[in-house]
Amino acid sequence: MTGPSPQTLHPMKGQGRIVFLQPLAEGRANVTVGPYTYYDDPDQPERFFDRNVLHHFDFVGDHLRIGPFCAFATGVRIVMNGANHAMTGFSTFPFNIFGHGWDAEFDPATWAAENRGDTTIGPDVWIGSEAWILPGVTIGAGAIIAAKSVVTRDVAPYAVVAGNPAREVRRRFDEATIARLLDLAWWDWPLDKLTRNLNAIRGADLATLEAAR
């Protein structure tokens, strides 16, 4: 046995609130999702990319990358660059989008200047209920985002962050251990090898995990 198929939409029998996100991302040119990442919501979890990923427009060109083995709690929101307004002038009001002459002489460069790039959520990231991830943020592997946090800046691997704006509370492990875990990158192991070594991955003995490499 090698676990559930990552292409199964509802991987837990009798739990329609849990969905794997990889099959939901199929056909979306601006989204990449790793296997086994899931979202938990009692209300239409299948609409994650419509309801929880906000202002993500193809014409903007930003990409959402989500790694494997992530866990997203109910109400997580990921805001993309389409939400940004031009801030170089006196008003941030988006006159141009309403047309009828208000779009005349609009300089798209003033809006593009606010684009903060792609949003990347690394592997094995746990994001708590109602946390918000703002545009252009990179969240490192193994990080934990506390419930209701507002993440406005990059999060280091294996960091725990909380608050609005989210601040680092602590690191889950010391720097040497984090470096070794990133080097091991168990989330990239072949599925049969990963399955054989689940106890080492779930455990806290780094030597055992390294021996499984």
C-alpha atoms as a PDB file:
ATOM      1  CA  MET A   1       0.000   0.000   0.000  1.00  0.00           C
ATOM      2  CA  THR A   2       1.206   3.489  -0.822  1.00  0.00           C
ATOM      3  CA  GLY A   3      -1.574   5.669   0.531  1.00  0.00           C
ATOM      4  CA  PRO A   4      -4.435   7.348  -1.333  1.00  0.00           C
ATOM      5  CA  SER A   5      -4.171   8.590  -4.883  1.00  0.00           C
ATOM      6  CA  PRO A   6      -3.404  12.330  -4.927  1.00  0.00           C
ATOM      7  CA  GLN A   7      -5.937  12.591  -7.752  1.00  0.00           C
ATOM      8  CA  THR A   8      -8.788  11.534  -5.464  1.00  0.00           C
ATOM      9  CA  LEU A   9     -10.946  14.586  -4.807  1.00  0.00           C
ATOM     10  CA  HIS A  10     -12.362  13.321  -1.491  1.00  0.00           C
ATOM     11  CA  PRO A  11      -9.633  11.085  -0.002  1.00  0.00           C
ATOM     12  CA  MET A  12     -11.326  10.353   3.337  1.00  0.00           C
ATOM     13  CA  LYS A  13     -14.381   8.120   3.275  1.00  0.00           C
ATOM     14  CA  GLY A  14     -17.396   9.888   4.715  1.00  0.00           C
ATOM     15  CA  GLN A  15     -15.572  13.229   4.989  1.00  0.00           C
ATOM     16  CA  GLY A  16     -16.811  15.352   2.115  1.00  0.00           C
ATOM     17  CA  ARG A  17     -15.360  18.436   3.791  1.00  0.00           C
ATOM     18  CA  ILE A  18     -11.809  17.347   2.928  1.00  0.00           C
ATOM     19  CA  VAL A  19     -10.497  17.682  -0.619  1.00  0.00           C
ATOM     20  CA  PHE A  20      -7.134  17.169  -2.236  1.00  0.00           C
ATOM     21  CA  LEU A  21      -6.314  20.370  -4.118  1.00  0.00           C
ATOM     22  CA  GLN A  22      -4.226  18.904  -6.925  1.00  0.00           C
ATOM     23  CA  PRO A  23      -7.199  17.604  -8.934  1.00  0.00           C
ATOM     24  CA  LEU A  24      -9.017  20.905  -8.435  1.00  0.00           C
ATOM     25  CA  ALA A  25      -6.046  22.775  -9.917  1.00  0.00           C
ATOM     26  CA  GLU A  26      -6.098  20.832 -13.182  1.00  0.00           C
ATOM     27  CA  GLY A  27      -6.640  23.081 -16.177  1.00  0.00           C
ATOM     28  CA  ARG A  28      -5.624  26.230 -14.313  1.00  0.00           C
ATOM     29  CA  ALA A  29      -2.601  27.695 -16.101  1.00  0.00           C
ATOM     30  CA  ASN A  30      -1.676  29.991 -13.226  1.00  0.00           C
ATOM     31  CA  VAL A  31      -1.751  27.401 -10.404  1.00  0.00           C
ATOM     32  CA  THR A  32       0.577  24.536  -9.468  1.00  0.00           C
ATOM     33  CA  VAL A  33      -0.257  22.247  -6.531  1.00  0.00           C
ATOM     34  CA  GLY A  34       1.808  19.361  -5.197  1.00  0.00           C
ATOM     35  CA  PRO A  35       0.292  15.994  -4.321  1.00  0.00           C
ATOM     36  CA  TYR A  36      -1.616  15.336  -1.094  1.00  0.00           C
ATOM     37  CA  THR A  37      -2.125  18.967  -0.162  1.00  0.00           C
ATOM     38  CA  TYR A  38      -5.637  19.237   1.251  1.00  0.00           C
ATOM     39  CA  TYR A  39      -8.274  21.771   2.251  1.00  0.00           C
ATOM     40  CA  ASP A  40     -10.818  21.243   5.053  1.00  0.00           C
ATOM     41  CA  ASP A  41     -14.137  23.091   4.891  1.00  0.00           C
ATOM     42  CA  PRO A  42     -17.721  21.951   5.620  1.00  0.00           C
ATOM     43  CA  ASP A  43     -19.068  24.348   2.985  1.00  0.00           C
ATOM     44  CA  GLN A  44     -18.215  23.601  -0.665  1.00  0.00           C
ATOM     45  CA  PRO A  45     -14.502  22.822  -0.328  1.00  0.00           C
ATOM     46  CA  GLU A  46     -14.497  21.938  -4.035  1.00  0.00           C
ATOM     47  CA  ARG A  47     -14.712  25.666  -4.812  1.00  0.00           C
ATOM     48  CA  PHE A  48     -11.406  26.452  -3.109  1.00  0.00           C
ATOM     49  CA  PHE A  49      -9.825  28.155  -6.118  1.00  0.00           C
ATOM     50  CA  ASP A  50     -12.923  30.276  -6.714  1.00  0.00           C
ATOM     51  CA  ARG A  51     -13.692  31.245  -3.129  1.00  0.00           C
ATOM     52  CA  ASN A  52     -10.368  31.112  -1.298  1.00  0.00           C
ATOM     53  CA  VAL A  53      -7.882  32.303  -3.921  1.00  0.00           C
ATOM     54  CA  LEU A  54      -8.840  35.923  -4.506  1.00  0.00           C
ATOM     55  CA  HIS A  55      -8.208  38.282  -7.438  1.00  0.00           C
ATOM     56  CA  HIS A  56      -6.210  35.722  -9.414  1.00  0.00           C
ATOM     57  CA  PHE A  57      -6.544  36.806 -13.034  1.00  0.00           C
ATOM     58  CA  ASP A  58      -4.766  35.246 -16.007  1.00  0.00           C
ATOM     59  CA  PHE A  59      -4.005  38.656 -17.533  1.00  0.00           C
ATOM     60  CA  VAL A  60      -1.998  39.666 -14.454  1.00  0.00           C
ATOM     61  CA  GLY A  61       0.430  36.791 -14.994  1.00  0.00           C
ATOM     62  CA  ASP A  62       1.186  35.883 -11.375  1.00  0.00           C
ATOM     63  CA  HIS A  63       1.428  32.220 -10.415  1.00  0.00           C
ATOM     64  CA  LEU A  64       0.326  30.427  -7.268  1.00  0.00           C
ATOM     65  CA  ARG A  65       2.601  27.546  -6.298  1.00  0.00           C
ATOM     66  CA  ILE A  66       1.619  25.229  -3.462  1.00  0.00           C
ATOM     67  CA  GLY A  67       3.906  22.396  -2.415  1.00  0.00           C
ATOM     68  CA  PRO A  68       2.995  18.834  -1.484  1.00  0.00           C
ATOM     69  CA  PHE A  69       1.691  17.647   1.881  1.00  0.00           C
ATOM     70  CA  CYS A  70       0.258  21.004   2.962  1.00  0.00           C
ATOM     71  CA  ALA A  71      -2.776  21.298   5.262  1.00  0.00           C
ATOM     72  CA  PHE A  72      -5.161  24.248   4.842  1.00  0.00           C
ATOM     73  CA  ALA A  73      -7.811  24.814   7.507  1.00  0.00           C
ATOM     74  CA  THR A  74     -11.264  26.285   6.939  1.00  0.00           C
ATOM     75  CA  GLY A  75     -11.380  29.846   5.676  1.00  0.00           C
ATOM     76  CA  VAL A  76      -7.783  30.227   4.498  1.00  0.00           C
ATOM     77  CA  ARG A  77      -7.551  33.057   1.964  1.00  0.00           C
ATOM     78  CA  ILE A  78      -4.779  33.597  -0.564  1.00  0.00           C
ATOM     79  CA  VAL A  79      -4.811  37.069  -2.103  1.00  0.00           C
ATOM     80  CA  MET A  80      -3.142  37.517  -5.488  1.00  0.00           C
ATOM     81  CA  ASN A  81      -1.853  40.623  -7.267  1.00  0.00           C
ATOM     82  CA  GLY A  82      -5.140  41.417  -8.969  1.00  0.00           C
ATOM     83  CA  ALA A  83      -6.217  42.924  -5.639  1.00  0.00           C
ATOM     84  CA  ASN A  84      -3.581  45.645  -5.769  1.00  0.00           C
ATOM     85  CA  HIS A  85      -4.384  49.275  -6.587  1.00  0.00           C
ATOM     86  CA  ALA A  86      -1.969  51.851  -8.005  1.00  0.00           C
ATOM     87  CA  MET A  87      -0.478  53.865  -5.159  1.00  0.00           C
ATOM     88  CA  THR A  88       1.828  56.238  -7.038  1.00  0.00           C
ATOM     89  CA  GLY A  89      -0.772  58.993  -7.385  1.00  0.00           C
ATOM     90  CA  PHE A  90      -2.985  60.918  -4.981  1.00  0.00           C
ATOM     91  CA  SER A  91      -5.899  58.467  -5.258  1.00  0.00           C
ATOM     92  CA  THR A  92      -5.903  54.682  -5.168  1.00  0.00           C
ATOM     93  CA  PHE A  93      -9.420  54.475  -6.668  1.00  0.00           C
ATOM     94  CA  PRO A  94      -9.409  52.259  -9.812  1.00  0.00           C
ATOM     95  CA  PHE A  95     -11.256  54.699 -12.111  1.00  0.00           C
ATOM     96  CA  ASN A  96     -10.111  52.902 -15.261  1.00  0.00           C
ATOM     97  CA  ILE A  97     -11.933  49.633 -14.574  1.00  0.00           C
ATOM     98  CA  PHE A  98     -15.318  51.383 -14.813  1.00  0.00           C
ATOM     99  CA  GLY A  99     -14.694  52.690 -18.335  1.00  0.00           C
ATOM    100  CA  HIS A 100     -17.037  55.285 -19.911  1.00  0.00           C
ATOM    101  CA  GLY A 101     -14.121  57.591 -20.458  1.00  0.00           C
ATOM    102  CA  TRP A 102     -12.467  56.958 -17.092  1.00  0.00           C
ATOM    103  CA  ASP A 103     -10.083  54.551 -18.758  1.00  0.00           C
ATOM    104  CA  ALA A 104      -8.703  57.190 -21.115  1.00  0.00           C
ATOM    105  CA  GLU A 105      -4.956  57.767 -20.851  1.00  0.00           C
ATOM    106  CA  PHE A 106      -4.667  55.210 -18.070  1.00  0.00           C
ATOM    107  CA  ASP A 107      -1.043  54.114 -17.742  1.00  0.00           C
ATOM    108  CA  PRO A 108      -0.965  50.354 -16.902  1.00  0.00           C
ATOM    109  CA  ALA A 109       2.586  50.775 -15.617  1.00  0.00           C
ATOM    110  CA  THR A 110       1.276  52.556 -12.543  1.00  0.00           C
ATOM    111  CA  TRP A 111      -0.732  49.470 -11.641  1.00  0.00           C
ATOM    112  CA  ALA A 112       1.947  46.959 -12.708  1.00  0.00           C
ATOM    113  CA  ALA A 113       4.377  48.668 -10.343  1.00  0.00           C
ATOM    114  CA  GLU A 114       2.353  47.251  -7.451  1.00  0.00           C
ATOM    115  CA  ASN A 115       2.720  43.643  -8.664  1.00  0.00           C
ATOM    116  CA  ARG A 116       4.610  41.712  -5.995  1.00  0.00           C
ATOM    117  CA  GLY A 117       5.281  38.582  -8.039  1.00  0.00           C
ATOM    118  CA  ASP A 118       4.307  34.974  -7.556  1.00  0.00           C
ATOM    119  CA  THR A 119       3.019  33.477  -4.325  1.00  0.00           C
ATOM    120  CA  THR A 120       4.774  30.312  -3.171  1.00  0.00           C
ATOM    121  CA  ILE A 121       3.764  28.002  -0.326  1.00  0.00           C
ATOM    122  CA  GLY A 122       6.409  25.363   0.289  1.00  0.00           C
ATOM    123  CA  PRO A 123       5.937  21.689   1.170  1.00  0.00           C
ATOM    124  CA  ASP A 124       4.537  20.453   4.483  1.00  0.00           C
ATOM    125  CA  VAL A 125       3.093  23.851   5.445  1.00  0.00           C
ATOM    126  CA  TRP A 126       0.172  24.011   7.893  1.00  0.00           C
ATOM    127  CA  ILE A 127      -2.066  27.070   7.589  1.00  0.00           C
ATOM    128  CA  GLY A 128      -4.621  27.656  10.338  1.00  0.00           C
ATOM    129  CA  SER A 129      -8.252  28.742  10.069  1.00  0.00           C
ATOM    130  CA  GLU A 130      -9.011  32.105   8.480  1.00  0.00           C
ATOM    131  CA  ALA A 131      -5.376  32.996   7.884  1.00  0.00           C
ATOM    132  CA  TRP A 132      -4.737  35.405   5.005  1.00  0.00           C
ATOM    133  CA  ILE A 133      -1.743  35.151   2.682  1.00  0.00           C
ATOM    134  CA  LEU A 134      -1.040  38.400   0.811  1.00  0.00           C
ATOM    135  CA  PRO A 135       0.432  38.725  -2.698  1.00  0.00           C
ATOM    136  CA  GLY A 136       4.004  37.788  -3.490  1.00  0.00           C
ATOM    137  CA  VAL A 137       4.709  35.970  -0.236  1.00  0.00           C
ATOM    138  CA  THR A 138       6.957  32.907  -0.033  1.00  0.00           C
ATOM    139  CA  ILE A 139       6.312  30.491   2.841  1.00  0.00           C
ATOM    140  CA  GLY A 140       9.146  28.060   3.502  1.00  0.00           C
ATOM    141  CA  ALA A 141       8.910  24.310   3.984  1.00  0.00           C
ATOM    142  CA  GLY A 142       7.499  23.043   7.260  1.00  0.00           C
ATOM    143  CA  ALA A 143       6.211  26.434   8.399  1.00  0.00           C
ATOM    144  CA  ILE A 144       3.106  26.863  10.553  1.00  0.00           C
ATOM    145  CA  ILE A 145       0.762  29.828  10.068  1.00  0.00           C
ATOM    146  CA  ALA A 146      -1.435  30.423  13.112  1.00  0.00           C
ATOM    147  CA  ALA A 147      -5.209  30.890  12.774  1.00  0.00           C
ATOM    148  CA  LYS A 148      -6.339  34.381  11.705  1.00  0.00           C
ATOM    149  CA  SER A 149      -2.794  35.458  10.876  1.00  0.00           C
ATOM    150  CA  VAL A 150      -2.227  37.965   8.061  1.00  0.00           C
ATOM    151  CA  VAL A 151       0.990  37.035   6.287  1.00  0.00           C
ATOM    152  CA  THR A 152       2.484  40.106   4.605  1.00  0.00           C
ATOM    153  CA  ARG A 153       6.082  38.993   4.235  1.00  0.00           C
ATOM    154  CA  ASP A 154       8.121  35.862   3.558  1.00  0.00           C
ATOM    155  CA  VAL A 155       8.123  33.124   6.180  1.00  0.00           C
ATOM    156  CA  ALA A 156      11.289  31.131   6.855  1.00  0.00           C
ATOM    157  CA  PRO A 157      11.316  27.327   6.656  1.00  0.00           C
ATOM    158  CA  TYR A 158      10.022  25.677   9.833  1.00  0.00           C
ATOM    159  CA  ALA A 159       9.014  29.017  11.342  1.00  0.00           C
ATOM    160  CA  VAL A 160       5.849  29.482  13.395  1.00  0.00           C
ATOM    161  CA  VAL A 161       4.168  32.833  12.711  1.00  0.00           C
ATOM    162  CA  ALA A 162       1.105  34.495  14.219  1.00  0.00           C
ATOM    163  CA  GLY A 163      -0.683  37.823  14.341  1.00  0.00           C
ATOM    164  CA  ASN A 164      -1.639  40.726  12.094  1.00  0.00           C
ATOM    165  CA  PRO A 165       0.753  41.365  10.542  1.00  0.00           C
ATOM    166  CA  ALA A 166       2.167  37.904  11.156  1.00  0.00           C
ATOM    167  CA  ARG A 167       5.423  37.815  13.101  1.00  0.00           C
ATOM    168  CA  GLU A 168       7.723  34.914  13.737  1.00  0.00           C
ATOM    169  CA  VAL A 169       7.048  33.408  17.144  1.00  0.00           C
ATOM    170  CA  ARG A 170       9.746  30.766  17.027  1.00  0.00           C
ATOM    171  CA  ARG A 171      11.429  28.170  14.857  1.00  0.00           C
ATOM    172  CA  ARG A 172      10.286  24.596  15.188  1.00  0.00           C
ATOM    173  CA  PHE A 173      13.897  23.328  15.215  1.00  0.00           C
ATOM    174  CA  ASP A 174      17.406  24.728  15.509  1.00  0.00           C
ATOM    175  CA  GLU A 175      19.166  25.979  12.380  1.00  0.00           C
ATOM    176  CA  ALA A 176      21.317  22.877  11.970  1.00  0.00           C
ATOM    177  CA  THR A 177      18.306  20.578  12.125  1.00  0.00           C
ATOM    178  CA  ILE A 178      16.384  22.753   9.662  1.00  0.00           C
ATOM    179  CA  ALA A 179      19.288  22.616   7.205  1.00  0.00           C
ATOM    180  CA  ARG A 180      19.396  18.824   7.469  1.00  0.00           C
ATOM    181  CA  LEU A 181      15.625  18.528   6.998  1.00  0.00           C
ATOM    182  CA  LEU A 182      15.710  20.740   3.910  1.00  0.00           C
ATOM    183  CA  ASP A 183      18.533  18.628   2.531  1.00  0.00           C
ATOM    184  CA  LEU A 184      16.581  15.423   3.184  1.00  0.00           C
ATOM    185  CA  ALA A 185      13.456  16.850   1.479  1.00  0.00           C
ATOM    186  CA  TRP A 186      11.400  13.769   2.358  1.00  0.00           C
ATOM    187  CA  TRP A 187       8.437  15.217   0.445  1.00  0.00           C
ATOM    188  CA  ASP A 188      10.333  14.494  -2.787  1.00  0.00           C
ATOM    189  CA  TRP A 189      10.993  10.825  -1.989  1.00  0.00           C
ATOM    190  CA  PRO A 190       9.403   8.142  -4.182  1.00  0.00           C
ATOM    191  CA  LEU A 191       6.034   7.161  -2.798  1.00  0.00           C
ATOM    192  CA  ASP A 192       7.012   3.612  -1.868  1.00  0.00           C
ATOM    193  CA  LYS A 193      10.061   4.841   0.037  1.00  0.00           C
ATOM    194  CA  LEU A 194       8.039   7.529   1.779  1.00  0.00           C
ATOM    195  CA  THR A 195       5.394   4.987   2.788  1.00  0.00           C
ATOM    196  CA  ARG A 196       7.995   2.604   4.234  1.00  0.00           C
ATOM    197  CA  ASN A 197       9.418   5.384   6.379  1.00  0.00           C
ATOM    198  CA  LEU A 198       6.332   7.129   7.712  1.00  0.00           C
ATOM    199  CA  ASN A 199       7.329   6.499  11.314  1.00  0.00           C
ATOM    200  CA  ALA A 200      10.644   8.256  10.727  1.00  0.00           C
ATOM    201  CA  ILE A 201       8.911  11.192   9.004  1.00  0.00           C
ATOM    202  CA  ARG A 202       6.326  11.494  11.768  1.00  0.00           C
ATOM    203  CA  GLY A 203       8.906  10.973  14.470  1.00  0.00           C
ATOM    204  CA  ALA A 204      11.452  13.279  16.051  1.00  0.00           C
ATOM    205  CA  ASP A 205      14.667  11.280  15.629  1.00  0.00           C
ATOM    206  CA  LEU A 206      16.653  12.952  12.852  1.00  0.00           C
ATOM    207  CA  ALA A 207      19.218  10.158  12.722  1.00  0.00           C
ATOM    208  CA  THR A 208      16.477   7.638  11.943  1.00  0.00           C
ATOM    209  CA  LEU A 209      15.139   9.849   9.176  1.00  0.00           C
ATOM    210  CA  GLU A 210      18.603  10.337   7.706  1.00  0.00           C
ATOM    211  CA  ALA A 211      19.218   6.577   7.814  1.00  0.00           C
ATOM    212  CA  ALA A 212      16.111   6.128   5.669  1.00  0.00           C
ATOM    213  CA  ARG A 213      17.497   8.381   2.979  1.00  0.00           C
END
